[in-house]
Amino acid sequence: MKMATERTYTIQLRKGWLSVPRWRRAKRAVAEVQTFLKRHTKSKEVKIDSWVNNAIWGKGAKNPPSKITLKVSFDKDKAVAELTELPSKAKRLQAAIKQKDDKSKKKSLLKIAKEEREKKIEEHKKKKVDEKKAIEETEKKDKTLSKKEEIASQK
């Protein structure tokens, strides 16, 4: 099984979208990215990340960027294109997701620790109850022995 290779491409989009009407430029830019990647990666299928699509369509359909730099991982079957550097919004979203995951992990760890504490308290209570029962039983035995001794001494 071959490992997917990874390359960085800077794709010139202006040549492609200059020949179409203004309102169709962003759509043509996306098509240019796909054709470029099919040609250079020799892959049958090309997947474009949503952040790449947002970068192209970010200023509207009439004003796409003139060039874009992508990090592409590919093998013979398919290629996946991502931005080389995520935009600040994407970084904030990833940080928020990570923070949320950390909080949920922390909550679950706290819940587990609380359950363990409760289990220890329960075990401790059981031990105390067992000790009291054992003490009561020994006291009963002592009382019965002392009564027998009293009866024996009276005879």
C-alpha atoms as a PDB file:
ATOM      1  CA  MET A   1       0.000   0.000   0.000  1.00  0.00           C
ATOM      2  CA  LYS A   2       1.522   3.296  -1.084  1.00  0.00           C
ATOM      3  CA  MET A   3       1.628   6.333   1.150  1.00  0.00           C
ATOM      4  CA  ALA A   4      -0.099   9.475  -0.081  1.00  0.00           C
ATOM      5  CA  THR A   5       2.377  12.110  -1.177  1.00  0.00           C
ATOM      6  CA  GLU A   6       2.003  15.737  -0.263  1.00  0.00           C
ATOM      7  CA  ARG A   7       2.982  18.820  -2.256  1.00  0.00           C
ATOM      8  CA  THR A   8       2.427  22.557  -2.132  1.00  0.00           C
ATOM      9  CA  TYR A   9       1.129  24.281  -5.270  1.00  0.00           C
ATOM     10  CA  THR A  10       0.598  27.955  -6.056  1.00  0.00           C
ATOM     11  CA  ILE A  11      -2.151  28.044  -8.662  1.00  0.00           C
ATOM     12  CA  GLN A  12      -2.609  31.065 -10.939  1.00  0.00           C
ATOM     13  CA  LEU A  13      -6.349  31.620 -11.259  1.00  0.00           C
ATOM     14  CA  ARG A  14      -6.459  34.912 -13.166  1.00  0.00           C
ATOM     15  CA  LYS A  15      -5.813  33.400 -16.606  1.00  0.00           C
ATOM     16  CA  GLY A  16      -8.801  31.137 -16.154  1.00  0.00           C
ATOM     17  CA  TRP A  17     -11.364  33.607 -14.874  1.00  0.00           C
ATOM     18  CA  LEU A  18     -10.486  36.531 -17.132  1.00  0.00           C
ATOM     19  CA  SER A  19     -12.144  34.846 -20.103  1.00  0.00           C
ATOM     20  CA  VAL A  20     -15.598  34.466 -18.465  1.00  0.00           C
ATOM     21  CA  PRO A  21     -18.258  37.014 -17.453  1.00  0.00           C
ATOM     22  CA  ARG A  22     -17.662  38.809 -14.134  1.00  0.00           C
ATOM     23  CA  TRP A  23     -20.545  37.110 -12.329  1.00  0.00           C
ATOM     24  CA  ARG A  24     -19.109  33.657 -13.118  1.00  0.00           C
ATOM     25  CA  ARG A  25     -15.486  34.240 -12.085  1.00  0.00           C
ATOM     26  CA  ALA A  26     -15.432  32.442  -8.707  1.00  0.00           C
ATOM     27  CA  LYS A  27     -17.115  29.377 -10.182  1.00  0.00           C
ATOM     28  CA  ARG A  28     -14.519  29.297 -12.957  1.00  0.00           C
ATOM     29  CA  ALA A  29     -11.714  29.697 -10.396  1.00  0.00           C
ATOM     30  CA  VAL A  30     -12.902  26.587  -8.537  1.00  0.00           C
ATOM     31  CA  ALA A  31     -13.037  24.708 -11.833  1.00  0.00           C
ATOM     32  CA  GLU A  32      -9.482  25.888 -12.606  1.00  0.00           C
ATOM     33  CA  VAL A  33      -8.270  24.541  -9.265  1.00  0.00           C
ATOM     34  CA  GLN A  34      -9.853  21.156 -10.012  1.00  0.00           C
ATOM     35  CA  THR A  35      -8.438  20.901 -13.542  1.00  0.00           C
ATOM     36  CA  PHE A  36      -4.994  22.001 -12.351  1.00  0.00           C
ATOM     37  CA  LEU A  37      -4.954  19.380  -9.608  1.00  0.00           C
ATOM     38  CA  LYS A  38      -6.203  16.617 -11.911  1.00  0.00           C
ATOM     39  CA  ARG A  39      -3.471  17.468 -14.398  1.00  0.00           C
ATOM     40  CA  HIS A  40      -0.622  17.729 -11.867  1.00  0.00           C
ATOM     41  CA  THR A  41      -1.537  14.935  -9.454  1.00  0.00           C
ATOM     42  CA  LYS A  42      -2.829  12.497 -12.110  1.00  0.00           C
ATOM     43  CA  SER A  43      -5.655  11.586  -9.751  1.00  0.00           C
ATOM     44  CA  LYS A  44      -9.093  10.551 -10.884  1.00  0.00           C
ATOM     45  CA  GLU A  45     -10.947  12.423  -8.137  1.00  0.00           C
ATOM     46  CA  VAL A  46     -10.177  15.830  -6.615  1.00  0.00           C
ATOM     47  CA  LYS A  47     -11.619  16.984  -3.269  1.00  0.00           C
ATOM     48  CA  ILE A  48     -11.424  20.656  -2.355  1.00  0.00           C
ATOM     49  CA  ASP A  49     -11.548  21.611   1.315  1.00  0.00           C
ATOM     50  CA  SER A  50     -14.350  23.924   2.402  1.00  0.00           C
ATOM     51  CA  TRP A  51     -11.814  26.547   3.523  1.00  0.00           C
ATOM     52  CA  VAL A  52     -10.369  26.665  -0.013  1.00  0.00           C
ATOM     53  CA  ASN A  53     -13.863  27.184  -1.367  1.00  0.00           C
ATOM     54  CA  ASN A  54     -14.465  29.934   1.219  1.00  0.00           C
ATOM     55  CA  ALA A  55     -11.181  31.610   0.255  1.00  0.00           C
ATOM     56  CA  ILE A  56     -12.166  31.659  -3.432  1.00  0.00           C
ATOM     57  CA  TRP A  57     -15.748  32.782  -2.857  1.00  0.00           C
ATOM     58  CA  GLY A  58     -14.843  35.066   0.082  1.00  0.00           C
ATOM     59  CA  LYS A  59     -15.090  38.352  -1.817  1.00  0.00           C
ATOM     60  CA  GLY A  60     -18.057  37.245  -3.871  1.00  0.00           C
ATOM     61  CA  ALA A  61     -18.535  35.688  -7.273  1.00  0.00           C
ATOM     62  CA  LYS A  62     -17.146  38.697  -9.157  1.00  0.00           C
ATOM     63  CA  ASN A  63     -13.834  39.107  -7.350  1.00  0.00           C
ATOM     64  CA  PRO A  64     -11.972  35.827  -6.680  1.00  0.00           C
ATOM     65  CA  PRO A  65      -8.257  35.864  -5.775  1.00  0.00           C
ATOM     66  CA  SER A  66      -5.739  35.937  -8.628  1.00  0.00           C
ATOM     67  CA  LYS A  67      -3.718  33.066  -7.146  1.00  0.00           C
ATOM     68  CA  ILE A  68      -3.981  30.632  -4.287  1.00  0.00           C
ATOM     69  CA  THR A  69      -1.471  28.423  -2.464  1.00  0.00           C
ATOM     70  CA  LEU A  70      -2.639  24.917  -1.595  1.00  0.00           C
ATOM     71  CA  LYS A  71      -1.250  21.910   0.241  1.00  0.00           C
ATOM     72  CA  VAL A  72      -2.286  18.807  -1.696  1.00  0.00           C
ATOM     73  CA  SER A  73      -2.084  15.224  -0.471  1.00  0.00           C
ATOM     74  CA  PHE A  74      -2.747  12.680  -3.191  1.00  0.00           C
ATOM     75  CA  ASP A  75      -2.394   9.160  -4.530  1.00  0.00           C
ATOM     76  CA  LYS A  76      -3.620   7.607  -7.773  1.00  0.00           C
ATOM     77  CA  ASP A  77      -7.246   7.484  -6.706  1.00  0.00           C
ATOM     78  CA  LYS A  78      -7.902  10.885  -5.170  1.00  0.00           C
ATOM     79  CA  ALA A  79      -6.357  14.208  -4.232  1.00  0.00           C
ATOM     80  CA  VAL A  80      -7.340  16.406  -1.295  1.00  0.00           C
ATOM     81  CA  ALA A  81      -6.567  20.140  -1.463  1.00  0.00           C
ATOM     82  CA  GLU A  82      -6.263  22.291   1.673  1.00  0.00           C
ATOM     83  CA  LEU A  83      -5.023  25.809   2.305  1.00  0.00           C
ATOM     84  CA  THR A  84      -1.373  25.990   3.348  1.00  0.00           C
ATOM     85  CA  GLU A  85      -2.300  28.244   6.235  1.00  0.00           C
ATOM     86  CA  LEU A  86      -5.782  28.288   7.669  1.00  0.00           C
ATOM     87  CA  PRO A  87      -7.507  31.667   7.976  1.00  0.00           C
ATOM     88  CA  SER A  88      -7.838  33.198  11.430  1.00  0.00           C
ATOM     89  CA  LYS A  89     -11.530  32.277  11.598  1.00  0.00           C
ATOM     90  CA  ALA A  90     -10.701  28.601  11.036  1.00  0.00           C
ATOM     91  CA  LYS A  91      -7.986  28.754  13.698  1.00  0.00           C
ATOM     92  CA  ARG A  92     -10.447  30.254  16.176  1.00  0.00           C
ATOM     93  CA  LEU A  93     -13.004  27.557  15.372  1.00  0.00           C
ATOM     94  CA  GLN A  94     -10.424  24.798  15.836  1.00  0.00           C
ATOM     95  CA  ALA A  95      -9.298  26.346  19.130  1.00  0.00           C
ATOM     96  CA  ALA A  96     -12.920  26.553  20.314  1.00  0.00           C
ATOM     97  CA  ILE A  97     -13.541  22.914  19.368  1.00  0.00           C
ATOM     98  CA  LYS A  98     -10.369  21.838  21.132  1.00  0.00           C
ATOM     99  CA  GLN A  99     -11.274  23.854  24.225  1.00  0.00           C
ATOM    100  CA  LYS A 100     -14.752  22.311  24.255  1.00  0.00           C
ATOM    101  CA  ASP A 101     -13.266  18.814  23.979  1.00  0.00           C
ATOM    102  CA  ASP A 102     -10.831  19.589  26.805  1.00  0.00           C
ATOM    103  CA  LYS A 103     -13.693  20.811  28.997  1.00  0.00           C
ATOM    104  CA  SER A 104     -15.744  17.708  28.306  1.00  0.00           C
ATOM    105  CA  LYS A 105     -12.741  15.485  29.070  1.00  0.00           C
ATOM    106  CA  LYS A 106     -12.131  17.429  32.267  1.00  0.00           C
ATOM    107  CA  LYS A 107     -15.787  17.079  33.268  1.00  0.00           C
ATOM    108  CA  SER A 108     -15.727  13.353  32.607  1.00  0.00           C
ATOM    109  CA  LEU A 109     -12.519  13.002  34.628  1.00  0.00           C
ATOM    110  CA  LEU A 110     -14.071  14.966  37.489  1.00  0.00           C
ATOM    111  CA  LYS A 111     -17.172  12.779  37.306  1.00  0.00           C
ATOM    112  CA  ILE A 112     -15.031   9.632  37.472  1.00  0.00           C
ATOM    113  CA  ALA A 113     -13.067  11.012  40.427  1.00  0.00           C
ATOM    114  CA  LYS A 114     -16.324  11.885  42.218  1.00  0.00           C
ATOM    115  CA  GLU A 115     -17.666   8.364  41.646  1.00  0.00           C
ATOM    116  CA  GLU A 116     -14.437   6.874  43.003  1.00  0.00           C
ATOM    117  CA  ARG A 117     -14.661   9.093  46.077  1.00  0.00           C
ATOM    118  CA  GLU A 118     -18.268   8.040  46.666  1.00  0.00           C
ATOM    119  CA  LYS A 119     -17.296   4.392  46.275  1.00  0.00           C
ATOM    120  CA  LYS A 120     -14.487   4.790  48.844  1.00  0.00           C
ATOM    121  CA  ILE A 121     -16.883   6.481  51.288  1.00  0.00           C
ATOM    122  CA  GLU A 122     -19.367   3.647  50.794  1.00  0.00           C
ATOM    123  CA  GLU A 123     -16.669   1.028  51.424  1.00  0.00           C
ATOM    124  CA  HIS A 124     -15.550   2.900  54.531  1.00  0.00           C
ATOM    125  CA  LYS A 125     -19.136   2.961  55.862  1.00  0.00           C
ATOM    126  CA  LYS A 126     -19.471  -0.789  55.225  1.00  0.00           C
ATOM    127  CA  LYS A 127     -16.240  -1.441  57.125  1.00  0.00           C
ATOM    128  CA  LYS A 128     -17.479   0.598  60.076  1.00  0.00           C
ATOM    129  CA  VAL A 129     -20.802  -1.269  60.114  1.00  0.00           C
ATOM    130  CA  ASP A 130     -18.963  -4.612  59.965  1.00  0.00           C
ATOM    131  CA  GLU A 131     -16.641  -3.530  62.796  1.00  0.00           C
ATOM    132  CA  LYS A 132     -19.624  -2.511  64.946  1.00  0.00           C
ATOM    133  CA  LYS A 133     -21.287  -5.856  64.305  1.00  0.00           C
ATOM    134  CA  ALA A 134     -18.078  -7.675  65.203  1.00  0.00           C
ATOM    135  CA  ILE A 135     -17.732  -5.645  68.414  1.00  0.00           C
ATOM    136  CA  GLU A 136     -21.371  -6.302  69.352  1.00  0.00           C
ATOM    137  CA  GLU A 137     -20.920 -10.027  68.738  1.00  0.00           C
ATOM    138  CA  THR A 138     -17.791 -10.153  70.910  1.00  0.00           C
ATOM    139  CA  GLU A 139     -19.620  -8.206  73.638  1.00  0.00           C
ATOM    140  CA  LYS A 140     -22.539 -10.661  73.488  1.00  0.00           C
ATOM    141  CA  LYS A 141     -20.121 -13.565  73.763  1.00  0.00           C
ATOM    142  CA  ASP A 142     -18.406 -11.889  76.704  1.00  0.00           C
ATOM    143  CA  LYS A 143     -21.769 -11.302  78.406  1.00  0.00           C
ATOM    144  CA  THR A 144     -22.855 -14.900  77.905  1.00  0.00           C
ATOM    145  CA  LEU A 145     -19.501 -16.108  79.210  1.00  0.00           C
ATOM    146  CA  SER A 146     -19.714 -13.834  82.230  1.00  0.00           C
ATOM    147  CA  LYS A 147     -23.294 -15.022  82.955  1.00  0.00           C
ATOM    148  CA  LYS A 148     -22.123 -18.618  82.737  1.00  0.00           C
ATOM    149  CA  GLU A 149     -19.258 -17.802  85.112  1.00  0.00           C
ATOM    150  CA  GLU A 150     -21.682 -16.171  87.549  1.00  0.00           C
ATOM    151  CA  ILE A 151     -23.979 -19.188  87.423  1.00  0.00           C
ATOM    152  CA  ALA A 152     -21.013 -21.517  87.903  1.00  0.00           C
ATOM    153  CA  SER A 153     -19.725 -19.504  90.881  1.00  0.00           C
ATOM    154  CA  GLN A 154     -23.163 -19.465  92.510  1.00  0.00           C
ATOM    155  CA  LYS A 155     -23.317 -23.240  92.420  1.00  0.00           C
END
